[in-house]
N, C-alpha and C. Protein backbone atom coordinates (compact mmCIF):
# COMPACT_ATOMS: atom_id res chain seq x y z
N MET A 1 106.73 124.41 109.82
CA MET A 1 106.53 122.96 109.32
C MET A 1 107.28 122.36 108.00
N ALA A 2 107.71 121.47 108.08
CA ALA A 2 108.85 120.98 107.25
C ALA A 2 108.09 120.91 105.73
N GLN A 3 108.49 120.93 104.71
CA GLN A 3 107.97 120.76 103.19
C GLN A 3 108.30 119.52 102.77
N THR A 4 107.33 118.89 102.26
CA THR A 4 107.96 117.30 101.81
C THR A 4 108.23 117.72 100.02
N VAL A 5 109.49 116.88 99.54
CA VAL A 5 110.09 117.25 98.57
C VAL A 5 110.25 115.50 97.99
N PHE A 6 110.00 115.16 96.83
CA PHE A 6 110.08 114.27 96.67
C PHE A 6 111.32 114.01 95.60
N VAL A 7 112.15 112.89 95.77
CA VAL A 7 113.50 112.79 94.89
C VAL A 7 113.48 112.11 93.77
N ASN A 8 113.87 112.31 93.07
CA ASN A 8 113.71 111.56 91.19
C ASN A 8 114.86 110.51 91.21
N GLN A 9 114.75 109.81 90.42
CA GLN A 9 115.47 108.31 90.10
C GLN A 9 116.85 108.51 90.05
N GLU A 10 117.40 110.12 89.53
CA GLU A 10 118.79 110.27 89.59
C GLU A 10 119.02 110.84 91.21
N ASN A 11 118.24 110.43 92.11
CA ASN A 11 118.58 111.29 93.71
C ASN A 11 118.78 112.66 93.36
N LYS A 12 118.05 113.63 92.93
CA LYS A 12 117.76 114.73 92.64
C LYS A 12 116.50 115.46 93.23
N ALA A 13 116.67 116.69 93.92
CA ALA A 13 115.32 117.10 94.50
C ALA A 13 115.21 118.38 94.25
N VAL A 14 114.00 119.10 94.13
CA VAL A 14 113.93 120.50 93.78
C VAL A 14 113.31 121.12 95.12
N PHE A 15 114.29 122.20 95.35
CA PHE A 15 114.05 122.79 96.75
C PHE A 15 113.40 124.33 96.44
N THR A 16 111.92 124.53 97.09
CA THR A 16 111.56 125.80 96.85
C THR A 16 111.36 126.54 98.07
N CYS A 17 112.35 127.92 98.24
CA CYS A 17 112.30 128.37 99.42
C CYS A 17 110.91 129.22 99.60
N PRO A 18 110.26 129.18 100.99
CA PRO A 18 109.25 129.72 101.40
C PRO A 18 109.20 131.04 101.35
N SER A 19 110.44 131.82 101.37
CA SER A 19 110.66 133.00 101.69
C SER A 19 110.75 133.69 100.40
N CYS A 20 111.53 133.50 99.66
CA CYS A 20 112.02 134.12 98.25
C CYS A 20 110.94 133.24 97.01
N THR A 21 110.80 132.22 97.22
CA THR A 21 110.29 131.32 96.35
C THR A 21 110.67 130.68 95.09
N LYS A 22 112.08 130.81 95.43
CA LYS A 22 112.93 130.82 94.39
C LYS A 22 113.39 129.03 94.47
N ALA A 23 113.27 128.29 93.25
CA ALA A 23 113.30 126.67 93.34
C ALA A 23 114.96 126.75 93.00
N ARG A 24 115.33 125.62 93.23
CA ARG A 24 117.10 125.29 92.95
C ARG A 24 116.78 123.12 93.13
N THR A 25 117.49 122.98 91.92
CA THR A 25 117.90 121.71 91.99
C THR A 25 119.25 121.11 92.83
N LYS A 26 119.23 120.05 93.93
CA LYS A 26 120.22 119.55 94.29
C LYS A 26 120.08 117.72 94.18
N ASP A 27 121.54 117.41 93.87
CA ASP A 27 122.09 115.90 94.14
C ASP A 27 121.96 115.91 96.08
N VAL A 28 120.87 114.71 96.26
CA VAL A 28 120.92 114.20 97.99
C VAL A 28 121.44 113.11 97.80
N SER A 29 122.10 112.79 97.10
CA SER A 29 122.26 111.03 97.35
C SER A 29 123.05 110.59 98.85
N LYS A 30 124.01 111.83 98.91
CA LYS A 30 124.81 111.60 100.24
C LYS A 30 123.87 111.48 101.54
N VAL A 31 122.78 112.14 101.64
CA VAL A 31 121.90 112.51 102.66
C VAL A 31 121.11 111.08 102.74
N LEU A 32 120.58 110.66 101.61
CA LEU A 32 119.64 109.56 101.78
C LEU A 32 119.83 108.14 101.74
N HIS A 33 121.31 107.70 101.83
CA HIS A 33 122.04 106.46 101.51
C HIS A 33 120.62 105.43 101.43
N GLU A 34 120.48 104.69 102.37
CA GLU A 34 119.90 103.43 102.27
C GLU A 34 118.17 103.74 102.32
N ASN A 35 117.69 104.93 103.43
CA ASN A 35 116.59 105.28 104.12
C ASN A 35 115.46 105.64 102.89
N LYS A 36 114.21 105.14 102.97
CA LYS A 36 113.31 105.94 102.27
C LYS A 36 113.27 107.31 102.15
N SER A 37 113.35 107.87 103.39
CA SER A 37 113.04 109.54 103.61
C SER A 37 114.36 109.90 104.63
N ALA A 38 114.63 111.02 104.43
CA ALA A 38 115.14 111.87 105.53
C ALA A 38 114.79 113.38 105.77
N THR A 39 115.26 114.09 106.71
CA THR A 39 114.83 115.38 107.40
C THR A 39 116.21 116.23 107.27
N ILE A 40 116.16 116.86 106.70
CA ILE A 40 117.41 118.06 106.34
C ILE A 40 116.96 119.51 106.24
N LYS A 41 117.73 119.98 106.74
CA LYS A 41 117.53 121.71 106.73
C LYS A 41 118.40 122.29 105.34
N VAL A 42 117.29 123.25 104.94
CA VAL A 42 118.02 123.43 103.48
C VAL A 42 118.54 124.96 103.90
N LYS A 43 119.36 125.69 103.37
CA LYS A 43 119.59 127.08 103.52
C LYS A 43 119.78 127.64 101.92
N CYS A 44 119.03 128.42 101.59
CA CYS A 44 118.26 129.54 100.58
C CYS A 44 119.75 130.40 100.43
N PRO A 45 120.12 130.65 99.33
CA PRO A 45 120.78 131.74 98.78
C PRO A 45 120.43 133.21 99.58
N CYS A 46 119.58 133.04 99.70
CA CYS A 46 118.41 134.34 100.57
C CYS A 46 118.97 134.74 101.87
N GLY A 47 119.31 133.06 102.33
CA GLY A 47 119.68 133.18 103.93
C GLY A 47 118.68 132.40 104.26
N HIS A 48 117.53 132.35 103.91
CA HIS A 48 116.42 131.74 105.01
C HIS A 48 116.76 129.97 105.14
N ILE A 49 116.60 129.91 106.27
CA ILE A 49 116.92 128.07 106.21
C ILE A 49 115.69 127.67 106.93
N PHE A 50 115.29 126.20 105.87
CA PHE A 50 114.01 125.46 106.02
C PHE A 50 114.22 124.21 106.07
N PRO A 51 113.41 123.28 106.96
CA PRO A 51 113.19 122.04 107.39
C PRO A 51 112.74 121.59 105.88
N VAL A 52 113.18 120.32 105.17
CA VAL A 52 112.59 119.78 104.13
C VAL A 52 112.76 118.19 104.39
N VAL A 53 111.62 117.21 104.02
CA VAL A 53 111.71 115.96 104.24
C VAL A 53 111.77 115.24 103.05
N LEU A 54 112.72 114.88 102.79
CA LEU A 54 113.26 114.16 101.49
C LEU A 54 112.13 112.72 101.36
N GLU A 55 111.61 112.42 100.50
CA GLU A 55 111.11 111.51 100.12
C GLU A 55 111.07 110.57 98.50
N ARG A 56 111.29 109.10 98.91
CA ARG A 56 111.72 108.24 97.78
C ARG A 56 110.82 107.52 96.96
N ARG A 57 109.62 107.60 97.84
CA ARG A 57 108.36 106.57 97.59
C ARG A 57 108.20 106.72 96.24
N LYS A 58 107.77 105.86 95.35
CA LYS A 58 107.36 105.83 93.98
C LYS A 58 106.42 107.02 93.78
N TYR A 59 105.02 106.46 94.63
CA TYR A 59 103.98 107.30 94.51
C TYR A 59 103.70 108.10 96.06
N TYR A 60 102.68 109.05 95.58
CA TYR A 60 102.63 110.43 96.64
C TYR A 60 101.58 109.58 97.23
N ARG A 61 101.84 109.52 98.61
CA ARG A 61 101.26 108.72 99.86
C ARG A 61 100.26 110.02 100.49
N LYS A 62 98.73 109.80 100.95
CA LYS A 62 97.91 110.81 101.12
C LYS A 62 97.46 110.43 102.74
N ALA A 63 97.67 111.10 103.40
CA ALA A 63 97.23 110.55 105.04
C ALA A 63 95.47 110.80 105.08
N THR A 64 95.35 110.12 105.72
CA THR A 64 94.04 109.89 105.65
C THR A 64 93.58 109.39 107.13
N LYS A 65 92.23 109.35 107.49
CA LYS A 65 91.58 108.50 108.87
C LYS A 65 90.15 107.95 108.13
N LEU A 66 90.56 106.90 107.71
CA LEU A 66 89.19 106.28 106.58
C LEU A 66 88.87 104.81 107.56
N PRO A 67 87.74 104.90 108.04
CA PRO A 67 87.08 103.48 108.99
C PRO A 67 87.22 102.21 107.63
N GLY A 68 87.20 101.58 107.98
CA GLY A 68 86.83 100.06 107.42
C GLY A 68 87.11 98.88 107.90
N ILE A 69 87.05 97.85 107.34
CA ILE A 69 87.60 96.30 107.74
C ILE A 69 88.38 95.68 106.87
N PHE A 70 89.24 94.53 107.83
CA PHE A 70 90.00 93.54 106.41
C PHE A 70 89.46 92.37 106.95
N ILE A 71 89.63 91.63 105.96
CA ILE A 71 89.79 89.93 105.96
C ILE A 71 90.67 89.59 105.58
N PRO A 72 91.39 88.63 106.61
CA PRO A 72 92.41 87.69 106.45
C PRO A 72 92.01 86.53 105.43
N GLU A 73 92.86 86.32 104.40
CA GLU A 73 92.30 84.82 103.38
C GLU A 73 92.72 83.93 104.51
N LYS A 74 91.81 83.05 104.46
CA LYS A 74 91.29 81.70 104.86
C LYS A 74 90.43 82.01 106.21
N LYS A 75 90.31 82.99 106.28
CA LYS A 75 89.40 83.29 107.58
C LYS A 75 88.21 83.91 107.30
N LEU A 76 87.04 83.88 108.00
CA LEU A 76 85.52 84.19 107.53
C LEU A 76 85.54 85.90 108.58
N LYS A 77 86.56 86.12 109.31
CA LYS A 77 86.13 87.02 110.38
C LYS A 77 86.69 88.24 110.02
N GLU A 78 85.81 89.46 110.19
CA GLU A 78 86.26 90.66 109.88
C GLU A 78 86.41 91.15 110.82
N PHE A 79 87.77 92.33 110.86
CA PHE A 79 88.69 93.13 111.55
C PHE A 79 88.65 94.55 111.59
N PRO A 80 88.09 95.39 112.32
CA PRO A 80 88.07 96.88 112.07
C PRO A 80 89.28 97.31 111.84
N MET A 81 89.37 98.02 111.06
CA MET A 81 90.71 99.52 110.85
C MET A 81 90.40 100.90 110.69
N THR A 82 91.24 101.62 110.67
CA THR A 82 91.21 102.95 110.43
C THR A 82 92.59 102.85 109.15
N VAL A 83 92.34 103.03 107.98
CA VAL A 83 93.47 103.48 107.18
C VAL A 83 94.04 105.05 107.33
N THR A 84 95.31 104.76 107.54
CA THR A 84 95.83 106.11 108.04
C THR A 84 96.54 107.13 106.91
N ASN A 85 96.94 105.94 105.57
CA ASN A 85 97.47 106.51 104.56
C ASN A 85 97.38 105.88 103.70
N LEU A 86 97.45 106.41 102.09
CA LEU A 86 96.93 105.77 101.17
C LEU A 86 97.63 106.39 99.71
N SER A 87 98.02 105.50 99.06
CA SER A 87 98.97 105.67 97.70
C SER A 87 98.33 104.40 96.79
N ARG A 88 98.92 105.17 95.43
CA ARG A 88 98.33 104.18 94.41
C ARG A 88 98.62 102.88 94.51
N SER A 89 100.09 102.39 95.27
CA SER A 89 100.57 101.16 95.19
C SER A 89 100.01 100.60 96.32
N GLY A 90 99.43 100.81 97.46
CA GLY A 90 99.36 100.73 98.81
C GLY A 90 98.41 101.39 100.10
N LEU A 91 98.71 100.78 100.92
CA LEU A 91 97.89 101.55 102.50
C LEU A 91 98.74 101.00 103.83
N GLU A 92 98.42 102.30 104.66
CA GLU A 92 98.83 101.70 105.83
C GLU A 92 97.61 102.05 106.88
N PHE A 93 97.24 101.08 107.51
CA PHE A 93 96.35 101.17 108.12
C PHE A 93 96.69 100.65 109.68
N LYS A 94 95.40 100.91 110.82
CA LYS A 94 95.76 100.62 112.37
C LYS A 94 94.99 99.63 112.57
N SER A 95 95.24 98.38 112.95
CA SER A 95 94.07 97.41 113.47
C SER A 95 93.89 97.43 114.99
N TYR A 96 93.04 97.10 115.40
CA TYR A 96 92.19 97.44 116.57
C TYR A 96 92.12 96.12 117.51
N GLU A 97 92.35 94.91 116.74
CA GLU A 97 92.36 93.82 117.66
C GLU A 97 93.27 93.20 117.78
N ASN A 98 93.76 91.53 118.12
CA ASN A 98 94.63 90.99 118.03
C ASN A 98 94.07 90.02 116.74
N ASN A 99 95.27 89.96 115.60
CA ASN A 99 94.56 89.49 114.27
C ASN A 99 95.33 88.34 113.81
N ASN A 100 96.79 88.31 114.53
CA ASN A 100 97.90 87.11 114.33
C ASN A 100 98.27 87.65 112.44
N LEU A 101 98.45 89.25 112.27
CA LEU A 101 98.93 89.35 110.89
C LEU A 101 100.38 88.47 111.03
N LYS A 102 100.87 88.25 109.86
CA LYS A 102 101.97 88.12 109.55
C LYS A 102 102.48 88.79 108.06
N VAL A 103 103.84 89.45 108.38
CA VAL A 103 104.23 89.90 106.83
C VAL A 103 104.21 88.85 105.64
N GLY A 104 103.51 89.20 104.84
CA GLY A 104 103.11 88.53 103.72
C GLY A 104 101.95 87.72 103.50
N ASP A 105 101.02 87.74 104.56
CA ASP A 105 99.79 87.54 104.79
C ASP A 105 99.15 88.17 103.54
N ARG A 106 97.98 87.45 102.86
CA ARG A 106 97.08 88.46 102.01
C ARG A 106 95.59 88.44 102.89
N LEU A 107 95.30 90.19 102.34
CA LEU A 107 93.86 90.33 103.01
C LEU A 107 93.00 90.62 101.73
N LYS A 108 91.91 90.93 102.46
CA LYS A 108 91.01 91.86 101.95
C LYS A 108 90.60 93.20 102.38
N ALA A 109 90.94 94.24 101.99
CA ALA A 109 90.55 95.23 102.65
C ALA A 109 89.26 96.22 101.77
N GLU A 110 88.46 96.82 102.70
CA GLU A 110 87.34 97.59 102.25
C GLU A 110 87.20 98.94 103.09
N PHE A 111 87.09 99.62 102.16
CA PHE A 111 87.12 101.31 103.11
C PHE A 111 86.07 101.83 102.20
N ARG A 112 85.53 103.48 102.58
CA ARG A 112 84.95 104.08 102.08
C ARG A 112 86.03 105.33 101.99
N LEU A 113 86.11 106.18 100.87
CA LEU A 113 86.92 107.24 100.55
C LEU A 113 85.94 108.57 101.17
N ASP A 114 86.47 109.32 101.52
CA ASP A 114 85.56 110.67 102.22
C ASP A 114 85.54 111.66 100.76
N ASP A 115 85.44 110.77 99.56
CA ASP A 115 85.10 112.00 98.67
C ASP A 115 83.91 112.24 98.57
N LYS A 116 83.36 112.93 97.76
CA LYS A 116 81.88 113.19 97.20
C LYS A 116 80.90 111.96 97.01
N SER A 117 81.58 110.92 96.70
CA SER A 117 80.69 109.92 96.08
C SER A 117 80.83 109.06 97.37
N ARG A 118 81.75 108.91 98.58
CA ARG A 118 81.91 107.88 99.02
C ARG A 118 81.97 106.85 98.61
N SER A 119 82.92 106.70 97.79
CA SER A 119 83.57 105.48 96.79
C SER A 119 83.82 104.50 97.81
N LEU A 120 83.36 103.26 97.54
CA LEU A 120 84.00 101.85 98.08
C LEU A 120 84.92 101.43 97.21
N MET A 121 86.48 101.61 98.21
CA MET A 121 87.40 100.64 98.06
C MET A 121 87.46 98.94 98.38
N SER A 122 87.45 98.26 97.47
CA SER A 122 87.62 96.72 98.08
C SER A 122 89.01 96.31 97.27
N LYS A 123 89.92 96.18 97.81
CA LYS A 123 91.23 95.42 97.29
C LYS A 123 92.04 94.65 97.82
N GLU A 124 92.43 93.46 97.36
CA GLU A 124 93.43 91.98 97.66
C GLU A 124 94.44 93.50 98.24
N VAL A 125 95.19 92.85 99.37
CA VAL A 125 96.23 93.62 99.29
C VAL A 125 97.51 92.28 100.44
N ILE A 126 98.70 92.26 100.38
CA ILE A 126 99.76 91.58 101.26
C ILE A 126 100.32 92.51 101.70
N VAL A 127 100.22 91.87 102.98
CA VAL A 127 100.90 92.66 104.13
C VAL A 127 102.57 92.76 103.88
N LYS A 128 103.30 93.75 104.36
CA LYS A 128 104.68 94.14 103.86
C LYS A 128 105.11 94.57 105.09
N LYS A 129 104.30 95.31 106.24
CA LYS A 129 105.21 95.53 107.12
C LYS A 129 104.04 95.95 108.43
N ILE A 130 104.86 95.14 109.71
CA ILE A 130 103.86 95.44 110.65
C ILE A 130 104.56 96.11 112.20
N GLU A 131 104.28 97.10 112.63
CA GLU A 131 104.98 97.73 113.74
C GLU A 131 103.80 97.92 115.01
N GLY A 132 103.57 97.15 115.79
CA GLY A 132 102.89 97.31 116.81
C GLY A 132 101.37 97.20 116.31
N THR A 133 100.31 98.27 116.34
CA THR A 133 98.84 97.87 115.48
C THR A 133 99.08 98.47 114.44
N THR A 134 100.46 99.23 113.81
CA THR A 134 100.00 99.82 112.52
C THR A 134 100.60 98.72 111.04
N VAL A 135 99.86 98.31 110.26
CA VAL A 135 100.33 97.51 109.25
C VAL A 135 100.27 98.17 107.58
N GLY A 136 101.37 97.86 106.83
CA GLY A 136 101.64 98.33 106.19
C GLY A 136 101.77 97.27 104.97
N ALA A 137 100.67 97.69 103.83
CA ALA A 137 100.58 96.57 102.65
C ALA A 137 100.27 96.99 101.65
N GLU A 138 100.64 96.02 100.41
CA GLU A 138 100.73 96.41 99.09
C GLU A 138 99.51 95.89 98.36
N PHE A 139 99.07 96.88 97.33
CA PHE A 139 98.05 95.98 96.70
C PHE A 139 98.42 94.86 95.75
N CYS A 140 97.69 93.58 95.80
CA CYS A 140 98.01 92.58 94.91
C CYS A 140 98.09 92.96 93.45
N VAL A 141 97.03 93.73 93.14
CA VAL A 141 96.96 94.23 91.71
C VAL A 141 96.83 95.39 91.33
N MET A 142 97.22 96.24 90.74
CA MET A 142 97.67 97.43 90.61
C MET A 142 96.97 97.60 89.17
N ASP A 143 96.09 98.48 89.06
CA ASP A 143 95.17 98.96 88.05
C ASP A 143 96.06 99.54 86.79
N GLU A 144 95.88 99.42 86.01
CA GLU A 144 96.85 100.67 85.09
C GLU A 144 96.73 101.90 85.45
N TYR A 145 95.79 102.36 85.88
CA TYR A 145 95.23 103.54 86.48
C TYR A 145 93.61 103.47 87.18
N ASP A 146 93.69 103.53 88.54
CA ASP A 146 92.83 103.18 89.21
C ASP A 146 91.98 105.10 89.30
N LYS A 147 91.17 104.89 88.22
CA LYS A 147 90.96 106.28 88.23
C LYS A 147 90.29 106.86 89.79
N VAL A 148 88.88 106.26 90.03
CA VAL A 148 89.07 106.56 91.55
C VAL A 148 89.77 106.91 92.26
N LEU A 149 90.68 106.22 93.05
CA LEU A 149 92.03 106.33 93.47
C LEU A 149 92.82 107.25 93.10
N GLY A 150 92.90 107.16 91.57
CA GLY A 150 94.14 108.47 91.23
C GLY A 150 93.20 109.94 91.65
N PHE A 151 92.37 109.75 91.37
CA PHE A 151 91.49 111.51 91.27
C PHE A 151 91.62 111.62 93.13
N TYR A 152 91.23 110.72 93.76
CA TYR A 152 91.26 110.68 94.96
C TYR A 152 92.55 111.13 95.91
N LEU A 153 93.56 110.82 95.47
CA LEU A 153 94.83 111.09 95.52
C LEU A 153 95.52 112.12 95.44
N PHE A 154 94.83 113.00 94.37
CA PHE A 154 95.61 114.33 93.85
C PHE A 154 94.56 115.31 94.19
N ASN A 155 93.31 115.39 95.28
CA ASN A 155 92.54 116.15 95.36
C ASN A 155 92.69 116.57 96.50
């Protein structure tokens, strides 16, 4: 399984060999170009070759399967969704009904985290990407630091 490595603003990434556990930093700007992510094979000086996914996202993204609803602005109808991943700046979800969403639409997204408290998240979002039934959305307002969401993402 490929390890995910985050790339910093200088386009450098730290690779840790799963075999010998040595870490090294490398410039990956030639590999990334304009893509947000890329999969590469890294060869450690110990000889071990391992796959790595380079990730340039600003915030860590956590894979989830959280049921919820979304309500498009200016509509009173709720639509079911499943949040498939979540970050400090937004979410990705699957929609199960034809809802005529477009990039730029504003929605209210509501779902419960699968934490011990089953914390309710109710966020205003703006649609940034639509691919089939998958919708990528950004939070309209990012709290300086949403403690519940921040704690959830890193546990």
